[in-house]
Amino acid sequence: MILPSEALRRAAEDTFANLAFMFPAGEAGEGQGEVSAWRAVALSFTGPLNGKLAMKVSDDLPGPIAANMLGLDDETPTAEQQADALRELLNVICGNMLPILAGSEEVFDVGAPAIVDAAGFEIQDPIRLWLEGGVAELSLVLT
């Protein structure tokens, strides 16, 4: 049986690569230690497993994520496009993670992802992904 944190890491890395065209950039490097501003999104799910999935991304990532997902070359994504991209990214990460944890035959009810106020928003036992251009932290809490 796979650990929940490993299922989350696998789903997150695959989804960032395949949907947002962002790839892990290794471990923390020079200038990557502290993040001054974050954007956050969260959702909950019920079914054979119940829980919450949350993601924080450094403030420099939503624009490139949205641009990559929407195929924008020379346009800057709007704030709404950036928020939509973060919500969709977390939704797909969840959809890719749940079958890893529970099997592909299980049925889940996944709530709508919501942008949350990142100020003071702490996620429990996060996995951290160093991506080209920024940092993402994800947390899975099973209840």
C-alpha atoms as a PDB file:
ATOM      1  CA  MET A   1       0.000   0.000   0.000  1.00  0.00           C
ATOM      2  CA  ILE A   2       1.288   3.422  -0.913  1.00  0.00           C
ATOM      3  CA  LEU A   3       1.619   6.137   1.724  1.00  0.00           C
ATOM      4  CA  PRO A   4      -0.761   9.081   1.305  1.00  0.00           C
ATOM      5  CA  SER A   5       2.154  11.539   1.116  1.00  0.00           C
ATOM      6  CA  GLU A   6       3.758   9.517  -1.688  1.00  0.00           C
ATOM      7  CA  ALA A   7       0.465   9.319  -3.599  1.00  0.00           C
ATOM      8  CA  LEU A   8       0.111  13.094  -3.255  1.00  0.00           C
ATOM      9  CA  ARG A   9       3.680  13.744  -4.406  1.00  0.00           C
ATOM     10  CA  ARG A  10       3.297  11.455  -7.421  1.00  0.00           C
ATOM     11  CA  ALA A  11      -0.052  12.993  -8.439  1.00  0.00           C
ATOM     12  CA  ALA A  12       1.216  16.555  -7.919  1.00  0.00           C
ATOM     13  CA  GLU A  13       4.437  16.088  -9.885  1.00  0.00           C
ATOM     14  CA  ASP A  14       2.606  14.378 -12.758  1.00  0.00           C
ATOM     15  CA  THR A  15      -0.161  16.994 -12.851  1.00  0.00           C
ATOM     16  CA  PHE A  16       2.202  19.971 -12.731  1.00  0.00           C
ATOM     17  CA  ALA A  17       4.199  18.399 -15.572  1.00  0.00           C
ATOM     18  CA  ASN A  18       1.294  17.304 -17.783  1.00  0.00           C
ATOM     19  CA  LEU A  19      -1.217  20.101 -17.194  1.00  0.00           C
ATOM     20  CA  ALA A  20       0.890  23.149 -16.324  1.00  0.00           C
ATOM     21  CA  PHE A  21       4.093  22.116 -18.128  1.00  0.00           C
ATOM     22  CA  MET A  22       6.111  22.789 -14.975  1.00  0.00           C
ATOM     23  CA  PHE A  23       8.714  20.320 -13.863  1.00  0.00           C
ATOM     24  CA  PRO A  24      10.499  19.694 -10.574  1.00  0.00           C
ATOM     25  CA  ALA A  25      13.682  21.738 -10.374  1.00  0.00           C
ATOM     26  CA  GLY A  26      15.396  19.707  -7.665  1.00  0.00           C
ATOM     27  CA  GLU A  27      15.963  20.720  -4.072  1.00  0.00           C
ATOM     28  CA  ALA A  28      15.977  24.220  -2.635  1.00  0.00           C
ATOM     29  CA  GLY A  29      18.650  26.284  -4.244  1.00  0.00           C
ATOM     30  CA  GLU A  30      20.098  29.735  -3.844  1.00  0.00           C
ATOM     31  CA  GLY A  31      17.347  32.269  -3.260  1.00  0.00           C
ATOM     32  CA  GLN A  32      14.630  29.615  -2.924  1.00  0.00           C
ATOM     33  CA  GLY A  33      14.571  29.361   0.857  1.00  0.00           C
ATOM     34  CA  GLU A  34      11.865  31.838   1.844  1.00  0.00           C
ATOM     35  CA  VAL A  35       8.640  32.720   0.098  1.00  0.00           C
ATOM     36  CA  SER A  36       7.301  36.190   0.852  1.00  0.00           C
ATOM     37  CA  ALA A  37       3.792  35.774  -0.570  1.00  0.00           C
ATOM     38  CA  TRP A  38       1.558  32.810  -1.308  1.00  0.00           C
ATOM     39  CA  ARG A  39      -1.701  32.007  -3.060  1.00  0.00           C
ATOM     40  CA  ALA A  40      -3.777  29.152  -1.643  1.00  0.00           C
ATOM     41  CA  VAL A  41      -6.569  26.845  -2.758  1.00  0.00           C
ATOM     42  CA  ALA A  42      -8.331  23.980  -0.983  1.00  0.00           C
ATOM     43  CA  LEU A  43     -10.994  21.339  -1.497  1.00  0.00           C
ATOM     44  CA  SER A  44     -12.565  18.486   0.415  1.00  0.00           C
ATOM     45  CA  PHE A  45     -13.708  15.046  -0.697  1.00  0.00           C
ATOM     46  CA  THR A  46     -15.841  12.205   0.638  1.00  0.00           C
ATOM     47  CA  GLY A  47     -16.181   8.557  -0.280  1.00  0.00           C
ATOM     48  CA  PRO A  48     -14.181   5.500   0.775  1.00  0.00           C
ATOM     49  CA  LEU A  49     -11.706   8.066   2.131  1.00  0.00           C
ATOM     50  CA  ASN A  50     -12.679  11.485   3.462  1.00  0.00           C
ATOM     51  CA  GLY A  51     -10.343  14.411   3.637  1.00  0.00           C
ATOM     52  CA  LYS A  52      -9.082  17.790   2.618  1.00  0.00           C
ATOM     53  CA  LEU A  53      -6.468  18.713   0.052  1.00  0.00           C
ATOM     54  CA  ALA A  54      -4.758  22.093   0.145  1.00  0.00           C
ATOM     55  CA  MET A  55      -2.136  23.779  -1.992  1.00  0.00           C
ATOM     56  CA  LYS A  56      -0.132  26.946  -1.589  1.00  0.00           C
ATOM     57  CA  VAL A  57       1.975  28.290  -4.432  1.00  0.00           C
ATOM     58  CA  SER A  58       4.474  31.101  -4.320  1.00  0.00           C
ATOM     59  CA  ASP A  59       3.010  34.312  -5.682  1.00  0.00           C
ATOM     60  CA  ASP A  60       5.187  34.112  -8.804  1.00  0.00           C
ATOM     61  CA  LEU A  61       3.594  30.851 -10.024  1.00  0.00           C
ATOM     62  CA  PRO A  62      -0.116  31.538 -10.790  1.00  0.00           C
ATOM     63  CA  GLY A  63       0.630  33.653 -13.872  1.00  0.00           C
ATOM     64  CA  PRO A  64       2.888  31.085 -15.560  1.00  0.00           C
ATOM     65  CA  ILE A  65       0.588  28.224 -14.508  1.00  0.00           C
ATOM     66  CA  ALA A  66      -2.420  29.937 -16.125  1.00  0.00           C
ATOM     67  CA  ALA A  67      -0.438  30.963 -19.222  1.00  0.00           C
ATOM     68  CA  ASN A  68       0.798  27.400 -19.723  1.00  0.00           C
ATOM     69  CA  MET A  69      -2.606  25.825 -19.136  1.00  0.00           C
ATOM     70  CA  LEU A  70      -4.353  28.283 -21.466  1.00  0.00           C
ATOM     71  CA  GLY A  71      -1.637  28.308 -24.119  1.00  0.00           C
ATOM     72  CA  LEU A  72      -1.060  32.059 -23.806  1.00  0.00           C
ATOM     73  CA  ASP A  73       2.219  33.112 -25.368  1.00  0.00           C
ATOM     74  CA  ASP A  74       2.298  36.883 -25.217  1.00  0.00           C
ATOM     75  CA  GLU A  75      -0.645  37.651 -22.945  1.00  0.00           C
ATOM     76  CA  THR A  76      -0.603  38.040 -19.197  1.00  0.00           C
ATOM     77  CA  PRO A  77      -3.398  35.962 -17.650  1.00  0.00           C
ATOM     78  CA  THR A  78      -6.034  37.906 -15.739  1.00  0.00           C
ATOM     79  CA  ALA A  79      -6.444  37.469 -12.000  1.00  0.00           C
ATOM     80  CA  GLU A  80      -9.578  35.376 -12.653  1.00  0.00           C
ATOM     81  CA  GLN A  81      -7.729  33.148 -15.143  1.00  0.00           C
ATOM     82  CA  GLN A  82      -4.980  32.641 -12.576  1.00  0.00           C
ATOM     83  CA  ALA A  83      -7.501  31.726  -9.859  1.00  0.00           C
ATOM     84  CA  ASP A  84      -9.319  29.355 -12.244  1.00  0.00           C
ATOM     85  CA  ALA A  85      -6.035  27.690 -13.169  1.00  0.00           C
ATOM     86  CA  LEU A  86      -5.142  27.102  -9.509  1.00  0.00           C
ATOM     87  CA  ARG A  87      -8.578  25.649  -8.790  1.00  0.00           C
ATOM     88  CA  GLU A  88      -8.401  23.352 -11.829  1.00  0.00           C
ATOM     89  CA  LEU A  89      -4.848  22.282 -11.017  1.00  0.00           C
ATOM     90  CA  LEU A  90      -5.819  21.223  -7.492  1.00  0.00           C
ATOM     91  CA  ASN A  91      -8.952  19.496  -8.783  1.00  0.00           C
ATOM     92  CA  VAL A  92      -6.895  17.438 -11.242  1.00  0.00           C
ATOM     93  CA  ILE A  93      -4.247  16.646  -8.618  1.00  0.00           C
ATOM     94  CA  CYS A  94      -7.033  15.321  -6.385  1.00  0.00           C
ATOM     95  CA  GLY A  95      -8.563  13.344  -9.247  1.00  0.00           C
ATOM     96  CA  ASN A  96      -5.185  11.776 -10.006  1.00  0.00           C
ATOM     97  CA  MET A  97      -4.352  11.069  -6.362  1.00  0.00           C
ATOM     98  CA  LEU A  98      -7.552   9.365  -5.173  1.00  0.00           C
ATOM     99  CA  PRO A  99      -7.282   6.327  -7.507  1.00  0.00           C
ATOM    100  CA  ILE A 100      -3.674   5.844  -6.373  1.00  0.00           C
ATOM    101  CA  LEU A 101      -4.876   5.722  -2.763  1.00  0.00           C
ATOM    102  CA  ALA A 102      -8.183   3.853  -3.082  1.00  0.00           C
ATOM    103  CA  GLY A 103      -8.147   2.106  -6.446  1.00  0.00           C
ATOM    104  CA  SER A 104      -9.680   3.082  -9.755  1.00  0.00           C
ATOM    105  CA  GLU A 105     -13.082   1.476  -9.045  1.00  0.00           C
ATOM    106  CA  GLU A 106     -13.899   3.645  -6.028  1.00  0.00           C
ATOM    107  CA  VAL A 107     -16.236   6.640  -6.352  1.00  0.00           C
ATOM    108  CA  PHE A 108     -15.644   9.944  -4.579  1.00  0.00           C
ATOM    109  CA  ASP A 109     -17.554  13.182  -4.226  1.00  0.00           C
ATOM    110  CA  VAL A 110     -15.025  15.970  -4.708  1.00  0.00           C
ATOM    111  CA  GLY A 111     -16.056  19.434  -3.595  1.00  0.00           C
ATOM    112  CA  ALA A 112     -15.393  22.530  -5.656  1.00  0.00           C
ATOM    113  CA  PRO A 113     -11.900  23.914  -5.108  1.00  0.00           C
ATOM    114  CA  ALA A 114     -11.924  27.346  -3.481  1.00  0.00           C
ATOM    115  CA  ILE A 115      -9.350  30.083  -3.317  1.00  0.00           C
ATOM    116  CA  VAL A 116      -8.567  30.762   0.340  1.00  0.00           C
ATOM    117  CA  ASP A 117      -6.804  33.633   2.039  1.00  0.00           C
ATOM    118  CA  ALA A 118      -3.151  32.613   2.096  1.00  0.00           C
ATOM    119  CA  ALA A 119      -2.293  35.019   4.926  1.00  0.00           C
ATOM    120  CA  GLY A 120      -1.943  32.818   7.948  1.00  0.00           C
ATOM    121  CA  PHE A 121      -3.114  29.742   6.029  1.00  0.00           C
ATOM    122  CA  GLU A 122      -1.002  26.886   7.311  1.00  0.00           C
ATOM    123  CA  ILE A 123      -1.134  23.459   5.789  1.00  0.00           C
ATOM    124  CA  GLN A 124      -0.271  20.355   7.776  1.00  0.00           C
ATOM    125  CA  ASP A 125       2.809  18.285   6.954  1.00  0.00           C
ATOM    126  CA  PRO A 126       3.216  19.731   3.462  1.00  0.00           C
ATOM    127  CA  ILE A 127       5.135  18.203   0.632  1.00  0.00           C
ATOM    128  CA  ARG A 128       7.178  20.872  -1.102  1.00  0.00           C
ATOM    129  CA  LEU A 129       7.810  20.935  -4.832  1.00  0.00           C
ATOM    130  CA  TRP A 130      10.536  23.169  -6.200  1.00  0.00           C
ATOM    131  CA  LEU A 131       9.346  24.007  -9.695  1.00  0.00           C
ATOM    132  CA  GLU A 132      10.795  26.046 -12.496  1.00  0.00           C
ATOM    133  CA  GLY A 133       9.910  29.556 -11.375  1.00  0.00           C
ATOM    134  CA  GLY A 134       8.540  28.945  -7.884  1.00  0.00           C
ATOM    135  CA  VAL A 135       7.472  26.689  -5.039  1.00  0.00           C
ATOM    136  CA  ALA A 136       4.322  24.688  -4.339  1.00  0.00           C
ATOM    137  CA  GLU A 137       3.315  23.146  -1.013  1.00  0.00           C
ATOM    138  CA  LEU A 138       0.550  20.559  -0.825  1.00  0.00           C
ATOM    139  CA  SER A 139      -1.107  18.900   2.113  1.00  0.00           C
ATOM    140  CA  LEU A 140      -3.481  15.962   2.402  1.00  0.00           C
ATOM    141  CA  VAL A 141      -5.427  15.454   5.613  1.00  0.00           C
ATOM    142  CA  LEU A 142      -7.510  12.274   5.818  1.00  0.00           C
ATOM    143  CA  THR A 143     -10.351  12.342   8.321  1.00  0.00           C
END
